[in-house]
Protein backbone atom coordinates (compact mmCIF):
# COMPACT_ATOMS: atom_id res chain seq x y z
CA MET A 1 -2.87 17.65 -34.43
CA GLU A 2 0.43 17.57 -32.51
CA ARG A 3 -0.44 14.84 -30.08
CA ILE A 4 0.19 11.15 -29.72
CA SER A 5 -3.21 9.62 -29.14
CA PRO A 6 -3.48 7.37 -26.07
CA ARG A 7 -5.82 4.53 -27.05
CA ARG A 8 -7.26 1.55 -25.21
CA ARG A 9 -6.01 -1.80 -26.47
CA PRO A 10 -9.07 -3.91 -27.33
CA GLY A 11 -9.86 -7.44 -26.37
CA ARG A 12 -8.09 -7.73 -23.03
CA ALA A 13 -9.79 -8.07 -19.69
CA PRO A 14 -8.61 -5.89 -16.81
CA ARG A 15 -5.99 -7.53 -14.62
CA GLU A 16 -3.40 -6.80 -11.99
CA ALA A 17 0.05 -5.56 -13.06
CA GLY A 18 1.74 -8.93 -13.45
CA ALA A 19 2.88 -10.54 -10.23
CA ILE A 20 3.97 -7.24 -8.71
CA SER A 21 2.75 -7.04 -5.14
CA GLN A 22 0.40 -4.12 -4.56
CA ARG A 23 -1.96 -3.20 -1.81
CA PRO A 24 -5.55 -2.55 -3.00
CA TRP A 25 -6.54 1.03 -3.85
CA GLN A 26 -7.56 2.66 -0.59
CA GLN A 27 -7.24 6.14 0.81
CA LEU A 28 -4.65 6.50 3.53
CA THR A 29 -5.94 7.36 6.99
CA ARG A 30 -3.76 8.29 9.93
CA PRO A 31 -4.47 6.41 13.18
CA TYR A 32 -1.69 8.10 15.16
CA LYS A 33 -1.50 11.55 16.70
CA PRO A 34 0.73 13.90 14.68
CA VAL A 35 4.22 14.63 15.92
CA GLU A 36 4.30 18.18 17.31
CA PRO A 37 7.81 19.61 17.76
CA LEU A 38 6.53 22.99 19.03
CA SER A 39 4.65 23.87 22.20
CA ALA A 40 1.26 25.57 21.93
CA ASP A 41 2.87 28.85 23.01
CA GLN A 42 5.51 28.56 20.28
CA VAL A 43 2.88 27.86 17.60
CA HIS A 44 0.91 30.94 18.72
CA ALA A 45 4.11 33.02 18.67
CA ILE A 46 4.78 32.05 15.02
CA HIS A 47 1.15 32.72 14.14
CA GLU A 48 1.26 36.17 15.72
CA ALA A 49 4.57 36.94 14.01
CA GLY A 50 2.99 36.04 10.66
CA LEU A 51 0.09 38.39 11.34
CA THR A 52 2.54 41.14 12.29
CA ILE A 53 4.39 40.68 8.99
CA LEU A 54 1.11 41.10 7.09
CA GLU A 55 0.04 44.07 9.17
CA GLU A 56 3.30 46.03 9.29
CA ILE A 57 5.30 44.91 6.23
CA GLY A 58 2.67 43.54 3.85
CA MET A 59 2.65 41.55 0.60
CA ARG A 60 3.52 42.92 -2.83
CA VAL A 61 0.67 41.85 -5.13
CA LEU A 62 1.38 42.37 -8.83
CA GLU A 63 -2.07 41.58 -10.21
CA PRO A 64 -4.42 44.63 -10.22
CA ARG A 65 -7.64 42.66 -9.77
CA ALA A 66 -6.20 40.88 -6.73
CA ARG A 67 -5.26 44.23 -5.18
CA ALA A 68 -8.79 45.51 -5.84
CA LEU A 69 -10.27 42.44 -4.13
CA TYR A 70 -8.05 42.94 -1.10
CA ARG A 71 -9.05 46.61 -0.96
CA SER A 72 -12.74 45.69 -1.13
CA ALA A 73 -12.28 43.54 1.98
CA GLY A 74 -10.67 46.34 3.98
CA ALA A 75 -6.96 45.82 3.35
CA ASP A 76 -4.69 48.85 3.01
CA VAL A 77 -3.45 48.95 -0.61
CA ASP A 78 -0.64 51.25 -1.77
CA GLU A 79 -0.86 51.29 -5.57
CA SER A 80 2.45 53.08 -6.00
CA ASP A 81 4.43 50.03 -4.91
CA MET A 82 1.58 47.45 -5.19
CA LEU A 83 1.84 46.73 -1.47
CA VAL A 84 -1.05 45.26 0.51
CA ARG A 85 -1.18 45.43 4.31
CA PHE A 86 -3.69 43.42 6.33
CA ASP A 87 -5.51 44.12 9.55
CA ARG A 88 -5.08 40.97 11.65
CA ALA A 89 -8.73 40.92 12.67
CA MET A 90 -9.73 40.94 9.00
CA VAL A 91 -7.34 38.06 8.29
CA MET A 92 -8.80 35.92 11.07
CA GLU A 93 -12.37 36.75 10.07
CA ARG A 94 -11.73 35.75 6.46
CA ILE A 95 -9.91 32.48 7.14
CA SER A 96 -12.69 31.41 9.52
CA THR A 97 -14.92 30.77 6.49
CA ALA A 98 -12.56 28.14 5.00
CA PRO A 99 -13.85 24.58 5.58
CA PRO A 100 -11.71 22.15 7.62
CA SER A 101 -12.50 19.21 5.32
CA PHE A 102 -14.02 18.42 1.94
CA GLU A 103 -13.98 15.78 -0.82
CA LEU A 104 -12.48 15.74 -4.34
CA ARG A 105 -14.17 14.18 -7.33
CA ALA A 106 -12.54 11.69 -9.72
CA ARG A 107 -13.72 10.43 -13.10
CA ASN A 108 -14.21 7.07 -11.37
CA PRO A 109 -16.50 7.83 -8.39
CA GLU A 110 -14.92 4.93 -6.48
CA LYS A 111 -11.70 6.98 -6.47
CA ASN A 112 -13.12 10.17 -4.98
CA ILE A 113 -10.81 11.28 -2.18
CA LYS A 114 -11.34 12.99 1.16
CA VAL A 115 -9.28 15.94 2.36
CA GLY A 116 -8.77 17.01 5.96
CA GLU A 117 -9.03 15.43 9.41
CA GLN A 118 -7.21 12.05 9.44
CA TYR A 119 -7.28 11.57 5.66
CA CYS A 120 -4.19 11.79 3.46
CA ILE A 121 -3.80 11.94 -0.34
CA LEU A 122 -0.62 10.63 -1.97
CA SER A 123 -0.02 12.51 -5.23
CA SER A 124 2.62 11.86 -7.89
CA VAL A 125 5.38 14.27 -8.89
CA GLY A 126 4.36 17.32 -10.88
CA GLY A 127 6.17 20.04 -12.79
CA PRO A 128 9.80 19.01 -13.41
CA ALA A 129 11.63 20.15 -16.53
CA TYR A 130 13.40 16.84 -17.17
CA VAL A 131 12.73 13.10 -17.21
CA MET A 132 15.22 10.38 -16.26
CA ASP A 133 15.61 6.62 -16.35
CA ASN A 134 18.42 4.07 -16.17
CA ASP A 135 18.50 3.51 -19.93
CA ARG A 136 18.82 7.05 -21.31
CA GLY A 137 19.76 9.21 -18.33
CA ARG A 138 18.36 12.71 -17.76
CA ARG A 139 16.84 14.46 -20.75
CA THR A 140 14.05 16.72 -21.89
CA GLY A 141 10.82 14.78 -22.15
CA THR A 142 8.35 14.07 -24.92
CA TYR A 143 4.60 13.70 -24.90
CA ALA A 144 4.88 9.95 -25.50
CA GLU A 145 7.15 9.56 -22.46
CA MET A 146 4.83 11.73 -20.38
CA CYS A 147 1.94 9.45 -21.31
CA ASP A 148 3.98 6.44 -20.21
CA TYR A 149 4.59 8.11 -16.85
CA LEU A 150 0.87 8.83 -16.45
CA LYS A 151 0.08 5.18 -17.20
CA LEU A 152 2.31 4.18 -14.29
CA VAL A 153 0.61 6.72 -12.01
CA GLN A 154 -2.69 5.06 -12.91
CA SER A 155 -1.23 1.58 -12.33
CA PHE A 156 0.13 2.19 -8.82
CA ASN A 157 -2.73 1.68 -6.36
CA VAL A 158 -0.91 3.56 -3.62
CA LEU A 159 -1.16 6.84 -5.59
CA HIS A 160 -4.49 8.61 -5.14
CA GLN A 161 -3.93 11.63 -7.38
CA GLU A 162 -1.85 12.78 -10.35
CA GLY A 163 0.30 15.78 -9.48
CA GLY A 164 -0.15 18.23 -12.35
CA GLY A 165 1.94 16.84 -15.21
CA PRO A 166 4.97 14.65 -14.40
CA PHE A 167 7.30 16.71 -16.63
CA GLU A 168 7.10 19.13 -19.55
CA PRO A 169 6.59 17.50 -22.99
CA LEU A 170 8.97 19.80 -24.88
CA ASP A 171 8.10 18.35 -28.28
CA LEU A 172 4.76 20.23 -28.07
CA HIS A 173 4.13 23.97 -28.47
CA PRO A 174 4.37 25.82 -25.12
CA ASN A 175 1.08 27.68 -25.66
CA THR A 176 -0.97 24.52 -26.15
CA ARG A 177 0.87 21.61 -24.54
CA HIS A 178 -1.28 21.96 -21.42
CA LEU A 179 -4.29 20.90 -23.51
CA ASP A 180 -2.57 17.64 -24.50
CA LEU A 181 -1.58 17.14 -20.87
CA TYR A 182 -5.17 17.55 -19.70
CA TYR A 183 -6.42 15.15 -22.37
CA ALA A 184 -3.86 12.55 -21.30
CA GLU A 185 -4.67 13.01 -17.61
CA ILE A 186 -8.38 12.54 -18.28
CA THR A 187 -8.15 9.58 -20.65
CA LEU A 188 -5.18 7.64 -19.24
CA LEU A 189 -6.35 7.97 -15.62
CA ASP A 190 -9.60 7.54 -13.77
CA LYS A 191 -8.11 9.14 -10.65
CA ASN A 192 -8.22 12.76 -9.52
CA TRP A 193 -5.67 15.00 -11.28
CA GLN A 194 -4.19 18.46 -10.89
CA PRO A 195 -4.28 21.30 -13.44
CA GLN A 196 -1.64 23.87 -14.31
CA THR A 197 -2.39 27.17 -12.56
CA LEU A 198 -0.22 29.66 -14.45
CA GLY A 199 -2.79 32.23 -15.49
CA THR A 200 -6.52 32.30 -16.12
CA GLY A 201 -6.38 30.60 -19.53
CA ARG A 202 -4.79 27.36 -18.37
CA VAL A 203 -7.19 27.12 -15.43
CA ILE A 204 -10.27 27.72 -17.59
CA ASP A 205 -9.10 25.09 -20.09
CA ALA A 206 -8.70 22.60 -17.24
CA LEU A 207 -12.15 23.41 -15.89
CA GLU A 208 -13.77 23.07 -19.31
CA MET A 209 -12.13 19.73 -20.04
CA ALA A 210 -12.82 18.37 -16.56
CA ALA A 211 -16.46 19.38 -16.93
CA ILE A 212 -16.69 17.55 -20.28
CA SER A 213 -15.17 14.43 -18.72
CA LEU A 214 -17.68 14.52 -15.85
CA GLY A 215 -20.75 15.17 -18.00
CA THR A 216 -21.36 18.70 -16.76
CA VAL A 217 -20.49 22.28 -17.74
CA ARG A 218 -17.92 24.63 -16.26
CA GLU A 219 -20.56 26.98 -14.84
CA ASN A 220 -21.94 24.13 -12.68
CA LEU A 221 -18.62 23.10 -11.13
CA ALA A 222 -18.84 25.72 -8.38
CA GLY A 223 -22.02 24.12 -7.03
CA GLU A 224 -20.73 20.55 -7.18
CA MET A 225 -18.03 18.57 -5.41
CA PRO A 226 -14.66 20.21 -6.22
CA VAL A 227 -12.47 18.52 -8.82
CA PHE A 228 -9.15 20.33 -8.55
CA THR A 229 -6.41 21.11 -6.10
CA GLY A 230 -4.34 23.79 -7.83
CA ILE A 231 -0.89 24.71 -6.53
CA ILE A 232 -0.41 28.46 -6.02
CA ASN A 233 3.17 29.42 -5.15
CA THR A 234 3.97 32.81 -3.69
CA ASN A 235 7.21 34.41 -4.85
CA SER A 236 8.99 34.42 -1.52
CA PRO A 237 9.75 36.71 0.10
CA LEU A 238 6.30 38.35 0.35
CA GLN A 239 5.18 38.64 -3.28
CA LEU A 240 2.26 37.25 -5.29
CA ASP A 241 2.81 37.43 -9.04
CA VAL A 242 0.31 38.01 -11.84
CA HIS A 243 -0.10 34.50 -13.19
CA MET A 244 -0.43 32.87 -9.78
CA ALA A 245 -2.99 35.47 -8.67
CA GLU A 246 -4.96 34.94 -11.87
CA GLY A 247 -4.96 31.18 -11.37
CA LEU A 248 -5.98 31.56 -7.73
CA ILE A 249 -8.92 33.81 -8.56
CA ALA A 250 -10.15 31.57 -11.40
CA LEU A 251 -10.03 28.45 -9.24
CA ALA A 252 -11.79 30.11 -6.31
CA GLU A 253 -14.51 31.60 -8.54
CA HIS A 254 -15.32 28.09 -9.75
CA GLY A 255 -15.37 26.52 -6.29
CA GLN A 256 -12.05 24.71 -6.70
CA VAL A 257 -9.28 24.21 -4.14
CA ASN A 258 -6.25 26.49 -4.06
CA VAL A 259 -3.19 25.06 -2.33
CA ILE A 260 -1.36 28.20 -1.19
CA THR A 261 2.32 27.26 -0.99
CA PRO A 262 5.12 29.71 -0.18
CA PHE A 263 8.61 28.65 -1.29
CA THR A 264 10.51 29.67 1.82
CA LEU A 265 14.08 28.36 1.77
CA ALA A 266 15.68 29.38 5.06
CA GLY A 267 18.77 31.51 4.48
CA ALA A 268 17.79 32.48 0.92
CA MET A 269 14.11 33.39 0.44
CA SER A 270 13.34 33.59 4.17
CA PRO A 271 15.21 34.15 7.44
CA VAL A 272 17.93 31.64 8.25
CA THR A 273 16.24 30.58 11.49
CA LEU A 274 13.46 28.00 11.28
CA ALA A 275 11.12 30.11 13.43
CA GLY A 276 11.63 33.14 11.18
CA ALA A 277 11.17 31.11 8.01
CA LEU A 278 7.95 29.62 9.39
CA ALA A 279 6.63 33.05 10.38
CA GLN A 280 7.20 34.33 6.84
CA GLN A 281 5.70 31.16 5.33
CA HIS A 282 2.66 31.61 7.56
CA ALA A 283 2.20 35.23 6.50
CA GLU A 284 2.36 34.39 2.80
CA ALA A 285 0.01 31.41 3.17
CA LEU A 286 -2.51 33.48 5.14
CA ALA A 287 -2.47 36.20 2.48
CA GLY A 288 -3.36 33.66 -0.22
CA ILE A 289 -6.00 31.93 1.90
CA VAL A 290 -7.61 35.30 2.63
CA LEU A 291 -7.83 36.08 -1.10
CA THR A 292 -9.66 32.80 -1.80
CA GLN A 293 -12.24 33.64 0.85
CA ILE A 294 -12.70 37.18 -0.50
CA VAL A 295 -13.37 35.76 -3.97
CA ARG A 296 -15.76 33.07 -2.74
CA PRO A 297 -16.43 32.77 1.01
CA GLY A 298 -16.44 29.14 2.09
CA VAL A 299 -14.48 27.83 -0.90
CA PRO A 300 -12.14 24.97 0.10
CA VAL A 301 -8.48 25.89 0.40
CA MET A 302 -5.28 24.24 1.64
CA TYR A 303 -2.14 25.56 3.34
CA GLY A 304 1.01 24.32 1.63
CA GLY A 305 4.21 24.00 3.63
CA PHE A 306 7.48 23.87 1.68
CA THR A 307 9.97 25.40 4.09
CA SER A 308 13.43 23.89 3.87
CA ASN A 309 17.00 25.17 4.05
CA VAL A 310 19.85 25.87 1.65
CA ASP A 311 23.44 24.73 1.56
CA MET A 312 25.09 27.82 3.05
CA ARG A 313 28.33 27.03 1.18
CA THR A 314 26.72 27.16 -2.28
CA GLY A 315 23.20 28.54 -1.89
CA ALA A 316 21.75 25.35 -3.43
CA PRO A 317 18.39 24.16 -2.03
CA ALA A 318 18.56 21.24 0.39
CA PHE A 319 15.63 18.84 0.84
CA GLY A 320 14.90 15.89 3.07
CA THR A 321 16.91 17.51 5.85
CA PRO A 322 16.15 17.44 9.59
CA GLU A 323 15.07 21.07 9.24
CA TYR A 324 12.65 20.11 6.45
CA ALA A 325 11.07 17.41 8.63
CA GLN A 326 10.76 19.80 11.59
CA ALA A 327 9.27 22.51 9.39
CA ALA A 328 6.71 20.08 7.95
CA GLN A 329 5.59 18.97 11.39
CA ALA A 330 5.46 22.54 12.71
CA THR A 331 3.45 23.59 9.64
CA GLY A 332 0.95 20.88 10.48
CA GLN A 333 0.54 22.52 13.87
CA LEU A 334 -0.05 25.93 12.25
CA CYS A 335 -2.65 24.43 9.89
CA ARG A 336 -4.54 22.83 12.75
CA LEU A 337 -4.42 26.13 14.65
CA ILE A 338 -6.22 27.99 11.84
CA GLY A 339 -8.40 25.04 10.79
CA VAL A 340 -7.42 24.35 7.16
CA PRO A 341 -6.00 21.15 5.60
CA PHE A 342 -2.23 20.80 5.18
CA ARG A 343 -0.14 20.01 2.07
CA SER A 344 3.46 18.81 2.26
CA SER A 345 5.86 16.93 -0.06
CA ASN A 346 8.29 14.02 -0.44
CA VAL A 347 11.47 15.73 -1.63
CA THR A 348 15.19 15.15 -2.08
CA ALA A 349 18.11 17.10 -3.50
CA ALA A 350 19.79 13.92 -4.80
CA ASN A 351 20.57 13.90 -8.51
CA ALA A 352 20.53 10.11 -8.88
CA VAL A 353 18.40 7.24 -7.62
CA ASP A 354 20.86 6.37 -4.90
CA ALA A 355 21.16 6.09 -1.13
CA GLN A 356 20.88 9.86 -0.70
CA ALA A 357 17.63 9.90 -2.64
CA ALA A 358 16.26 7.13 -0.42
CA TYR A 359 17.26 8.51 2.97
CA GLU A 360 16.25 12.09 2.18
CA SER A 361 12.88 10.91 0.88
CA ALA A 362 12.43 8.72 3.95
CA MET A 363 13.10 11.76 6.15
CA SER A 364 10.69 13.88 4.10
CA LEU A 365 7.93 11.28 4.22
CA TRP A 366 8.31 10.77 7.94
CA GLY A 367 8.19 14.53 8.52
CA CYS A 368 5.09 15.23 6.45
CA LEU A 369 3.06 12.09 7.18
CA MET A 370 3.69 12.19 10.91
CA GLY A 371 3.21 15.97 10.78
CA GLY A 372 -0.40 15.40 9.76
CA ALA A 373 -0.24 16.21 6.03
CA ASN A 374 -3.56 15.80 4.22
CA LEU A 375 -1.93 16.02 0.79
CA VAL A 376 1.58 14.76 0.01
CA LEU A 377 2.46 16.26 -3.36
CA HIS A 378 5.49 14.84 -5.22
CA ALA A 379 4.95 11.71 -3.13
CA ALA A 380 6.53 9.58 -5.88
CA GLY A 381 9.03 10.35 -8.63
CA TRP A 382 10.71 13.62 -7.51
CA LEU A 383 14.48 13.83 -8.03
CA GLY A 384 17.19 16.48 -8.29
CA GLY A 385 15.54 19.17 -6.19
CA GLY A 386 12.38 18.98 -8.28
CA LEU A 387 14.01 19.46 -11.69
CA THR A 388 13.64 15.80 -12.67
CA ALA A 389 10.94 13.12 -12.74
CA SER A 390 12.51 9.66 -12.53
CA PHE A 391 10.86 6.43 -13.63
CA GLU A 392 12.90 4.35 -11.16
CA LYS A 393 12.36 6.82 -8.31
CA LEU A 394 8.61 6.59 -8.95
CA VAL A 395 8.76 2.85 -8.28
CA ILE A 396 11.00 3.10 -5.22
CA ASP A 397 8.89 5.89 -3.74
CA CYS A 398 5.76 3.80 -4.23
CA GLU A 399 7.51 1.05 -2.25
CA MET A 400 8.14 3.53 0.59
CA LEU A 401 4.56 4.80 0.39
CA GLN A 402 3.18 1.27 0.61
CA MET A 403 5.40 0.64 3.62
CA MET A 404 4.08 3.80 5.31
CA CYS A 405 0.51 2.70 4.55
CA ALA A 406 1.27 -0.64 6.21
CA TYR A 407 2.82 1.19 9.17
CA PHE A 408 -0.39 3.23 9.48
CA GLN A 409 -2.31 0.02 10.20
CA PRO A 410 -1.68 -0.60 13.92
CA PRO A 411 -1.11 -4.24 14.94
CA GLN A 412 -4.08 -6.14 16.33
CA VAL A 413 -3.85 -7.38 19.88
CA ASP A 414 -6.43 -10.05 20.76
CA THR A 415 -6.61 -13.70 21.73
CA GLU A 416 -5.77 -14.90 18.22
CA THR A 417 -2.82 -12.59 17.67
CA LEU A 418 -1.33 -13.14 21.13
CA ALA A 419 -0.85 -16.71 19.89
CA LEU A 420 -0.53 -18.49 23.22
CA ASP A 421 -1.77 -21.75 21.66
CA ALA A 422 1.06 -21.55 19.12
CA VAL A 423 3.62 -20.94 21.86
CA ARG A 424 2.25 -24.00 23.76
CA GLU A 425 2.36 -26.08 20.56
CA ILE A 426 6.01 -25.29 19.80
CA GLY A 427 7.39 -24.93 23.31
CA PRO A 428 11.07 -24.22 24.08
CA ALA A 429 13.80 -24.59 21.44
CA GLY A 430 11.45 -25.16 18.50
CA HIS A 431 10.51 -23.01 15.50
CA PHE A 432 7.24 -21.60 14.23
CA PHE A 433 7.56 -22.16 10.46
CA GLY A 434 5.29 -25.20 10.55
CA ALA A 435 2.98 -24.16 13.38
CA ALA A 436 -0.75 -24.20 12.57
CA HIS A 437 -0.95 -20.56 13.61
CA THR A 438 1.77 -19.66 11.07
CA MET A 439 0.39 -21.83 8.25
CA LYS A 440 -3.00 -20.16 8.57
CA ARG A 441 -1.48 -16.68 8.14
CA TYR A 442 1.82 -16.96 6.29
CA GLU A 443 0.57 -15.50 3.00
CA THR A 444 -0.78 -12.30 4.55
CA ALA A 445 1.10 -11.94 7.83
CA PHE A 446 3.68 -9.40 6.65
CA TYR A 447 4.09 -6.57 4.19
CA ALA A 448 4.90 -7.84 0.70
CA PRO A 449 7.38 -5.53 -1.08
CA ILE A 450 7.39 -4.20 -4.63
CA VAL A 451 11.14 -3.64 -4.93
CA SER A 452 12.92 -5.00 -1.87
CA ASN A 453 14.93 -8.22 -2.26
CA TRP A 454 15.24 -10.39 0.84
CA ASP A 455 17.56 -13.11 -0.52
CA ASN A 456 20.66 -13.95 1.49
CA TYR A 457 23.98 -12.77 0.10
CA ASP A 458 24.92 -15.99 -1.69
CA THR A 459 21.54 -16.29 -3.38
CA TRP A 460 21.61 -12.60 -4.35
CA MET A 461 25.06 -13.11 -5.91
CA GLU A 462 23.92 -16.20 -7.81
CA ARG A 463 20.96 -14.28 -9.22
CA GLY A 464 23.06 -11.51 -10.70
CA GLN A 465 23.57 -8.99 -7.83
CA VAL A 466 20.60 -6.96 -9.05
CA THR A 467 20.28 -3.64 -7.18
CA ALA A 468 17.07 -1.90 -6.12
CA ARG A 469 17.50 0.68 -8.89
CA GLU A 470 17.84 -2.08 -11.50
CA ARG A 471 14.83 -3.93 -10.10
CA ALA A 472 12.81 -0.69 -10.25
CA ASN A 473 13.71 -0.35 -13.93
CA THR A 474 12.38 -3.84 -14.64
CA ILE A 475 9.24 -3.21 -12.61
CA TRP A 476 8.14 0.00 -14.35
CA LYS A 477 8.64 -1.58 -17.75
CA ARG A 478 6.61 -4.60 -16.70
CA MET A 479 3.84 -2.42 -15.31
CA LEU A 480 3.78 -0.35 -18.48
CA ALA A 481 3.38 -3.52 -20.56
CA GLU A 482 0.49 -4.57 -18.32
CA TYR A 483 -1.25 -1.17 -18.29
CA GLU A 484 -4.96 -1.17 -19.11
CA GLN A 485 -6.55 2.14 -20.02
CA PRO A 486 -9.70 2.89 -18.00
CA PRO A 487 -12.76 3.05 -20.27
CA ILE A 488 -14.11 6.40 -21.40
CA ASP A 489 -17.31 7.17 -23.25
CA PRO A 490 -16.56 7.70 -26.98
CA GLY A 491 -18.76 10.81 -27.01
CA VAL A 492 -16.78 12.32 -24.13
CA ASP A 493 -13.52 11.50 -25.90
CA GLU A 494 -14.75 13.19 -29.07
CA ALA A 495 -15.91 16.28 -27.16
CA LEU A 496 -12.50 16.55 -25.47
CA ARG A 497 -10.74 16.35 -28.82
CA ASP A 498 -13.04 18.95 -30.34
CA TYR A 499 -12.35 21.34 -27.46
CA MET A 500 -8.59 20.85 -27.82
CA GLU A 501 -8.68 21.42 -31.57
CA ARG A 502 -10.66 24.63 -31.18
CA ARG A 503 -8.40 26.00 -28.45
CA LYS A 504 -5.30 25.19 -30.50
CA ARG A 505 -6.71 27.06 -33.47
CA GLU A 506 -7.29 30.01 -31.12
CA GLY A 507 -3.65 29.91 -30.01
CA GLY A 508 -4.01 28.27 -26.62
CA SER A 509 -2.81 30.20 -23.55
CA PRO A 510 0.41 32.14 -24.17
CA LEU A 511 2.47 33.34 -21.23
CA ASN A 512 4.60 36.49 -21.28
């Protein structure tokens, strides 16, 4: 079988990843009100413009079954050009059945995660074509390297979910490599994970293997807590292709969560103005949300915002821009208006783990987290406009995510923290290093970094002038050496292998 088998190393007790400072595993909750760049009237204007686009222009839907479902719900379907137009009242009636919050199941029940309201999921990068690290540069990835990346996703407490395959393992056959990916996600992680959604076959394989891992059967998943968030991208402008429609329908039929995400780059795949791009994004997202509710009324669904801009000199996508941050925060407002959870992303166009990668990711994270995102996909590891998954960027992003988690814990203000006794003890012109108040708290008073180095310049020089990127390289290798595979029942492991072997003999899931 063409797969490198991830196995648990025997005889070692679970332990923390060396001396690397991590916060305990805990879901992120947002104590602050979201930033809202638009007025209520402006949000309603974008919403109405999106409905007008659906009503007067419509969506081209390439999958015949999807068009039939839309027609059954009262949409106007023109088969000659595969165009679907939507009555706005029908749209609002259908989206009203989508729940505002729900919970996702993990193999380890202690790592189930909540979606909606003030809760936020931080999910690792998913889908790039290439992998990159300091040692070998950018390259096509292998299954062994992909497994190493998944082990790091498991090891970082700040990550709540795996994002759908960190990069393509090109040493495996394209029709069956998703089976090896699913096996690795299930056995190397005990967290929630995302499936591939290109077509019915890949979705059904994910559902079957998830059901095996959870001790149930696929037919029962619809009546249980959902397992999957599956990313469904529209082909902007205003088109839903065959494979995405098939994946959407299969997920919805089984009670799983579609994350409807238009790819609206202002000036290229949508109008150059932010308002126009958001109106088109809103129309495409509503069309996908409506289809989920036609398939299975009440099934959980998410609205994905991915609006950014392009470099108007070259046409290249730009990420982590001021426009991206504004679009993320405005999308949060649109999601709250219609009552569905919001997905956003930590993105950058930088091609190296450098200052640009850091400041664009910081802008992205600020935009989506303070915009009220309930799922941050590509929260750690994304590089090069989404073409590359970087080992060092994964580490640095996890540092930024931990810092945001610390920021989302407001400071306490009470008699103890006001510290008047300490001020009296030290008085004018003293210092607080040796104060009783400090000594009681010095180990836990401040955020402890993963990557950051706080030495002064002379000490930093004496210790080799090691940069953040170099430190990140050392950290991921150390964490990989310390990785401990979460236990899995041998019978479950055998059943997963048997399913994979059978599906490989059948040819897997080819794509045209």
